[in-house]
Amino acid sequence: MYITERAVFELRNDGVCLTEIAHGIDLQTQVLDLMDFKPKVDGVPKIMDSKIFS
């Protein structure tokens, strides 16, 4: 797993998959547009538990 303040990624056999994003983050402009590669996204990513930011 790769955990940042904006998103959580998981390394799988088929590549890097985005699994969760932080509340209030715009997935496209604040995560995907800033990356040098396109991670796999299975459906809609879950929202990270807001308690971890307290």
Protein backbone atom coordinates (compact mmCIF):
# COMPACT_ATOMS: atom_id res chain seq x y z
CA MET A 1 0.00 0.00 0.00
CA TYR A 2 1.01 3.57 -0.69
CA ILE A 3 -0.73 6.08 1.56
CA THR A 4 -0.61 9.85 1.01
CA GLU A 5 -2.57 12.72 2.51
CA ARG A 6 -4.82 12.67 -0.57
CA ALA A 7 -5.16 9.04 -1.62
CA VAL A 8 -4.47 5.39 -0.93
CA PHE A 9 -3.00 3.15 -3.62
CA GLU A 10 -2.51 -0.59 -3.65
CA LEU A 11 0.12 -2.46 -5.67
CA ARG A 12 -1.55 -5.44 -7.32
CA ASN A 13 -0.41 -8.01 -9.83
CA ASP A 14 -1.91 -5.92 -12.65
CA GLY A 15 -0.41 -2.58 -11.47
CA VAL A 16 -1.11 0.28 -9.10
CA CYS A 17 -4.77 0.73 -8.13
CA LEU A 18 -6.27 3.79 -6.45
CA THR A 19 -8.59 2.56 -3.68
CA GLU A 20 -9.43 5.56 -1.47
CA ILE A 21 -9.37 9.36 -1.56
CA ALA A 22 -9.57 11.98 1.19
CA HIS A 23 -12.84 13.83 1.80
CA GLY A 24 -13.04 17.05 -0.21
CA ILE A 25 -10.33 16.07 -2.70
CA ASP A 26 -11.11 16.42 -6.39
CA LEU A 27 -9.92 13.11 -7.80
CA GLN A 28 -9.15 14.41 -11.26
CA THR A 29 -7.47 17.76 -10.58
CA GLN A 30 -5.83 17.05 -7.21
CA VAL A 31 -4.67 13.47 -7.78
CA LEU A 32 -4.86 12.04 -11.30
CA ASP A 33 -3.75 15.17 -13.22
CA LEU A 34 -0.64 15.42 -11.01
CA MET A 35 0.55 11.84 -11.61
CA ASP A 36 3.03 10.71 -14.26
CA PHE A 37 1.02 7.55 -14.89
CA LYS A 38 -2.64 6.54 -14.76
CA PRO A 39 -3.47 4.19 -11.88
CA LYS A 40 -6.23 1.64 -12.21
CA VAL A 41 -9.48 2.67 -10.52
CA ASP A 42 -12.09 0.00 -9.79
CA GLY A 43 -15.39 1.88 -9.73
CA VAL A 44 -15.61 4.80 -7.32
CA PRO A 45 -12.82 5.03 -4.71
CA LYS A 46 -13.89 4.92 -1.06
CA ILE A 47 -13.56 8.04 1.09
CA MET A 48 -10.77 7.84 3.67
CA ASP A 49 -11.93 7.83 7.30
CA SER A 50 -11.86 11.48 8.44
CA LYS A 51 -10.70 10.41 11.94
CA ILE A 52 -7.17 9.84 10.62
CA PHE A 53 -6.87 13.57 9.94
CA SER A 54 -7.79 14.61 13.51
